[in-house]
């Protein structure tokens, strides 16, 4: 699948809406017939039985010292913080799986 179009045609806006990063000014965004604009931030994760990482970039976003000069990619130290953010969510799941064997 590809989303193509000229500059300013709404490609980034569409992706932001699908990802739930942006809210539509009118209308709704449906995924599997569910209006995601009406859900809490972790509702889709619960619906699909997956882990929810609230804010992956917590503690890193906007930091000049934790991001490379492009302002997008984390430094090694920033990447460790991102890994800690994810592990805080995944560790309890891994421990549950290990103890239950499922």
N, C-alpha and C. Protein backbone atom coordinates (compact mmCIF):
# COMPACT_ATOMS: atom_id res chain seq x y z
N UNK A 1 0.84 -1.16 0.00
CA UNK A 1 0.00 0.00 0.00
C UNK A 1 0.89 1.23 0.00
N UNK A 2 0.48 2.25 -0.70
CA UNK A 2 1.21 3.50 -0.74
C UNK A 2 0.22 4.66 -0.67
N UNK A 3 0.61 5.70 -0.01
CA UNK A 3 -0.18 6.93 0.02
C UNK A 3 0.64 7.96 -0.72
N UNK A 4 0.15 8.35 -1.87
CA UNK A 4 0.90 9.28 -2.72
C UNK A 4 0.03 10.48 -3.07
N UNK A 5 0.68 11.56 -3.38
CA UNK A 5 -0.02 12.77 -3.79
C UNK A 5 0.93 13.94 -3.72
N UNK A 6 0.54 15.02 -4.33
CA UNK A 6 1.40 16.20 -4.32
C UNK A 6 1.51 16.80 -2.92
N UNK A 7 2.51 17.62 -2.74
CA UNK A 7 2.70 18.33 -1.49
C UNK A 7 1.44 19.11 -1.14
N UNK A 8 1.01 18.99 0.10
CA UNK A 8 -0.17 19.72 0.55
C UNK A 8 -1.48 19.01 0.30
N UNK A 9 -1.43 17.77 -0.19
CA UNK A 9 -2.68 17.06 -0.50
C UNK A 9 -3.29 16.34 0.69
N UNK A 10 -2.56 16.29 1.83
CA UNK A 10 -3.14 15.71 3.04
C UNK A 10 -2.60 14.35 3.44
N UNK A 11 -1.49 13.92 2.84
CA UNK A 11 -0.93 12.61 3.18
C UNK A 11 -0.55 12.53 4.65
N UNK A 12 0.18 13.49 5.13
CA UNK A 12 0.61 13.49 6.54
C UNK A 12 -0.58 13.63 7.47
N UNK A 13 -1.54 14.43 7.08
CA UNK A 13 -2.76 14.59 7.90
C UNK A 13 -3.49 13.27 8.00
N UNK A 14 -3.63 12.57 6.88
CA UNK A 14 -4.30 11.27 6.88
C UNK A 14 -3.60 10.30 7.81
N UNK A 15 -2.28 10.21 7.71
CA UNK A 15 -1.54 9.30 8.58
C UNK A 15 -1.67 9.69 10.05
N UNK A 16 -1.67 10.98 10.33
CA UNK A 16 -1.87 11.43 11.70
C UNK A 16 -3.24 11.07 12.25
N UNK A 17 -4.25 11.14 11.40
CA UNK A 17 -5.61 10.76 11.80
C UNK A 17 -5.70 9.27 12.07
N UNK A 18 -5.13 8.47 11.17
CA UNK A 18 -5.18 7.01 11.32
C UNK A 18 -4.43 6.59 12.58
N UNK A 19 -3.32 7.23 12.85
CA UNK A 19 -2.51 6.89 14.03
C UNK A 19 -3.12 7.40 15.32
N UNK A 20 -4.13 8.26 15.22
CA UNK A 20 -4.73 8.83 16.42
C UNK A 20 -3.93 9.98 16.99
N UNK A 21 -2.96 10.48 16.23
CA UNK A 21 -2.15 11.60 16.69
C UNK A 21 -2.87 12.93 16.50
N UNK A 22 -3.79 12.96 15.54
CA UNK A 22 -4.56 14.16 15.24
C UNK A 22 -6.03 13.83 15.34
N UNK A 23 -6.83 14.81 15.66
CA UNK A 23 -8.29 14.64 15.72
C UNK A 23 -8.91 15.36 14.53
N UNK A 24 -9.91 14.77 13.91
CA UNK A 24 -10.54 15.44 12.79
C UNK A 24 -11.31 16.67 13.24
N UNK A 25 -11.35 17.70 12.39
CA UNK A 25 -12.13 18.89 12.74
C UNK A 25 -13.62 18.62 12.59
N UNK A 26 -13.98 17.62 11.79
CA UNK A 26 -15.36 17.16 11.68
C UNK A 26 -15.32 15.72 11.21
N UNK A 27 -16.40 15.01 11.39
CA UNK A 27 -16.45 13.62 10.97
C UNK A 27 -15.83 12.68 11.99
N UNK A 28 -15.45 11.49 11.53
CA UNK A 28 -14.91 10.49 12.43
C UNK A 28 -13.84 9.68 11.71
N UNK A 29 -13.09 8.92 12.49
CA UNK A 29 -12.07 8.03 11.95
C UNK A 29 -12.43 6.63 12.42
N UNK A 30 -12.79 5.76 11.49
CA UNK A 30 -13.23 4.41 11.83
C UNK A 30 -12.14 3.40 11.53
N UNK A 31 -11.88 2.52 12.49
CA UNK A 31 -11.01 1.36 12.30
C UNK A 31 -11.83 0.16 12.72
N UNK A 32 -12.03 -0.77 11.81
CA UNK A 32 -12.90 -1.93 12.08
C UNK A 32 -14.26 -1.47 12.61
N UNK A 33 -14.79 -0.43 12.01
CA UNK A 33 -16.11 0.13 12.33
C UNK A 33 -16.18 0.75 13.73
N UNK A 34 -15.03 1.04 14.32
CA UNK A 34 -14.97 1.69 15.64
C UNK A 34 -14.41 3.09 15.44
N UNK A 35 -15.12 4.09 15.95
CA UNK A 35 -14.66 5.47 15.85
C UNK A 35 -13.56 5.69 16.87
N UNK A 36 -12.31 5.73 16.40
CA UNK A 36 -11.18 5.82 17.33
C UNK A 36 -11.10 7.18 18.03
N UNK A 37 -11.81 8.18 17.50
CA UNK A 37 -11.78 9.49 18.16
C UNK A 37 -12.59 9.48 19.45
N UNK A 38 -13.39 8.44 19.65
CA UNK A 38 -14.22 8.33 20.85
C UNK A 38 -13.61 7.41 21.90
N UNK A 39 -12.43 6.87 21.61
CA UNK A 39 -11.81 5.92 22.53
C UNK A 39 -10.79 6.59 23.43
N UNK A 40 -10.58 6.02 24.58
CA UNK A 40 -9.48 6.45 25.44
C UNK A 40 -8.18 6.03 24.80
N UNK A 41 -7.08 6.58 25.28
CA UNK A 41 -5.81 6.36 24.60
C UNK A 41 -5.36 4.90 24.59
N UNK A 42 -5.77 4.09 25.54
CA UNK A 42 -5.34 2.70 25.55
C UNK A 42 -6.43 1.72 25.10
N UNK A 43 -7.57 2.23 24.65
CA UNK A 43 -8.69 1.36 24.30
C UNK A 43 -8.40 0.45 23.11
N UNK A 44 -7.74 0.94 22.08
CA UNK A 44 -7.42 0.08 20.94
C UNK A 44 -6.47 -1.04 21.36
N UNK A 45 -5.51 -0.73 22.19
CA UNK A 45 -4.60 -1.77 22.66
C UNK A 45 -5.37 -2.85 23.42
N UNK A 46 -6.30 -2.44 24.26
CA UNK A 46 -7.11 -3.42 25.00
C UNK A 46 -7.96 -4.24 24.04
N UNK A 47 -8.57 -3.57 23.05
CA UNK A 47 -9.44 -4.26 22.10
C UNK A 47 -8.69 -5.34 21.34
N UNK A 48 -7.43 -5.06 20.97
CA UNK A 48 -6.64 -6.01 20.19
C UNK A 48 -5.66 -6.81 21.03
N UNK A 49 -5.76 -6.70 22.36
CA UNK A 49 -4.96 -7.48 23.30
C UNK A 49 -3.46 -7.32 23.05
N UNK A 50 -3.04 -6.08 22.96
CA UNK A 50 -1.62 -5.77 22.79
C UNK A 50 -1.20 -4.78 23.88
N UNK A 51 0.09 -4.70 24.09
CA UNK A 51 0.61 -3.78 25.10
C UNK A 51 0.47 -2.34 24.61
N UNK A 52 0.27 -1.43 25.54
CA UNK A 52 0.15 -0.01 25.22
C UNK A 52 1.28 0.75 25.88
N UNK A 53 2.10 1.40 25.08
CA UNK A 53 3.17 2.24 25.59
C UNK A 53 2.66 3.68 25.51
N UNK A 54 2.33 4.30 26.65
CA UNK A 54 1.67 5.61 26.63
C UNK A 54 2.40 6.67 25.82
N UNK A 55 3.68 6.87 26.07
CA UNK A 55 4.41 7.88 25.32
C UNK A 55 5.85 7.41 25.19
N UNK A 56 6.15 6.79 24.08
CA UNK A 56 7.45 6.20 23.83
C UNK A 56 8.59 7.19 24.07
N UNK A 57 8.39 8.44 23.68
CA UNK A 57 9.45 9.44 23.74
C UNK A 57 9.52 10.20 25.06
N UNK A 58 8.79 9.74 26.07
CA UNK A 58 8.79 10.40 27.37
C UNK A 58 10.20 10.57 27.89
N UNK A 59 10.55 11.79 28.24
CA UNK A 59 11.87 12.08 28.78
C UNK A 59 12.94 12.32 27.72
N UNK A 60 12.58 12.13 26.44
CA UNK A 60 13.56 12.28 25.36
C UNK A 60 13.13 13.36 24.37
N UNK A 61 11.85 13.39 24.05
CA UNK A 61 11.34 14.34 23.06
C UNK A 61 11.66 15.77 23.48
N UNK A 62 12.19 16.52 22.55
CA UNK A 62 12.50 17.92 22.81
C UNK A 62 13.81 18.19 23.51
N UNK A 63 14.53 17.14 23.87
CA UNK A 63 15.80 17.31 24.57
C UNK A 63 16.95 17.40 23.57
N UNK A 64 17.65 18.49 23.58
CA UNK A 64 18.80 18.64 22.69
C UNK A 64 19.91 17.65 23.03
N UNK A 65 20.06 17.32 24.29
CA UNK A 65 21.15 16.42 24.68
C UNK A 65 20.83 14.95 24.46
N UNK A 66 19.55 14.61 24.34
CA UNK A 66 19.17 13.21 24.16
C UNK A 66 18.78 12.88 22.72
N UNK A 67 18.86 13.87 21.83
CA UNK A 67 18.57 13.66 20.42
C UNK A 67 19.76 14.09 19.59
N UNK A 68 19.90 13.45 18.44
CA UNK A 68 20.95 13.85 17.51
C UNK A 68 20.61 15.22 16.94
N UNK A 69 21.52 15.77 16.16
CA UNK A 69 21.32 17.13 15.64
C UNK A 69 20.07 17.29 14.80
N UNK A 70 19.58 16.17 14.19
CA UNK A 70 18.36 16.28 13.38
C UNK A 70 17.12 16.50 14.24
N UNK A 71 17.25 16.33 15.55
CA UNK A 71 16.13 16.55 16.46
C UNK A 71 15.09 15.44 16.44
N UNK A 72 15.35 14.38 15.69
CA UNK A 72 14.38 13.28 15.55
C UNK A 72 14.91 11.99 16.16
N UNK A 73 16.15 11.68 15.87
CA UNK A 73 16.72 10.41 16.29
C UNK A 73 17.45 10.57 17.62
N UNK A 74 17.19 9.63 18.54
CA UNK A 74 17.83 9.75 19.86
C UNK A 74 19.31 9.41 19.81
N UNK A 75 20.03 9.97 20.75
CA UNK A 75 21.42 9.58 20.97
C UNK A 75 21.41 8.22 21.66
N UNK A 76 22.59 7.67 21.92
CA UNK A 76 22.67 6.38 22.63
C UNK A 76 21.99 6.49 23.99
N UNK A 77 22.22 7.58 24.69
CA UNK A 77 21.59 7.78 26.00
C UNK A 77 20.07 7.89 25.87
N UNK A 78 19.63 8.63 24.85
CA UNK A 78 18.19 8.74 24.60
C UNK A 78 17.56 7.41 24.25
N UNK A 79 18.28 6.59 23.48
CA UNK A 79 17.77 5.26 23.10
C UNK A 79 17.61 4.37 24.33
N UNK A 80 18.52 4.50 25.29
CA UNK A 80 18.37 3.73 26.53
C UNK A 80 17.11 4.13 27.28
N UNK A 81 16.79 5.42 27.28
CA UNK A 81 15.56 5.87 27.95
C UNK A 81 14.35 5.32 27.21
N UNK A 82 14.36 5.35 25.87
CA UNK A 82 13.25 4.78 25.10
C UNK A 82 13.08 3.30 25.43
N UNK A 83 14.19 2.57 25.48
CA UNK A 83 14.12 1.15 25.81
C UNK A 83 13.53 0.94 27.21
N UNK A 84 13.91 1.79 28.15
CA UNK A 84 13.34 1.70 29.51
C UNK A 84 11.84 1.97 29.48
N UNK A 85 11.41 2.94 28.66
CA UNK A 85 9.98 3.25 28.55
C UNK A 85 9.20 2.05 28.06
N UNK A 86 9.73 1.37 27.05
CA UNK A 86 9.06 0.19 26.49
C UNK A 86 9.13 -0.97 27.48
N UNK A 87 10.30 -1.18 28.08
CA UNK A 87 10.46 -2.31 29.00
C UNK A 87 9.54 -2.19 30.21
N UNK A 88 9.26 -0.97 30.65
CA UNK A 88 8.35 -0.78 31.78
C UNK A 88 6.98 -1.37 31.48
N UNK A 89 6.58 -1.39 30.21
CA UNK A 89 5.29 -1.94 29.81
C UNK A 89 5.41 -3.44 29.52
N UNK A 90 6.49 -3.84 28.87
CA UNK A 90 6.63 -5.23 28.44
C UNK A 90 7.09 -6.19 29.55
N UNK A 91 7.86 -5.69 30.51
CA UNK A 91 8.38 -6.57 31.56
C UNK A 91 7.28 -7.32 32.32
N UNK A 92 6.22 -6.62 32.76
CA UNK A 92 5.15 -7.36 33.45
C UNK A 92 4.51 -8.42 32.56
N UNK A 93 4.40 -8.15 31.26
CA UNK A 93 3.84 -9.14 30.35
C UNK A 93 4.76 -10.35 30.22
N UNK A 94 6.06 -10.09 30.11
CA UNK A 94 7.03 -11.17 30.00
C UNK A 94 7.03 -12.01 31.25
N UNK A 95 6.96 -11.38 32.41
CA UNK A 95 6.95 -12.12 33.67
C UNK A 95 5.69 -12.96 33.81
N UNK A 96 4.54 -12.41 33.38
CA UNK A 96 3.29 -13.15 33.43
C UNK A 96 3.37 -14.38 32.54
N UNK A 97 3.89 -14.20 31.32
CA UNK A 97 4.04 -15.33 30.39
C UNK A 97 4.96 -16.39 30.97
N UNK A 98 6.07 -15.94 31.60
CA UNK A 98 7.04 -16.88 32.16
C UNK A 98 6.42 -17.69 33.29
N UNK A 99 5.62 -17.02 34.13
CA UNK A 99 5.03 -17.71 35.29
C UNK A 99 3.85 -18.60 34.91
N UNK A 100 3.09 -18.20 33.88
CA UNK A 100 1.94 -19.00 33.48
C UNK A 100 2.27 -20.00 32.40
N UNK A 101 3.39 -19.80 31.71
CA UNK A 101 3.79 -20.72 30.66
C UNK A 101 2.97 -20.58 29.39
N UNK A 102 2.19 -19.49 29.28
CA UNK A 102 1.37 -19.33 28.08
C UNK A 102 1.93 -18.24 27.18
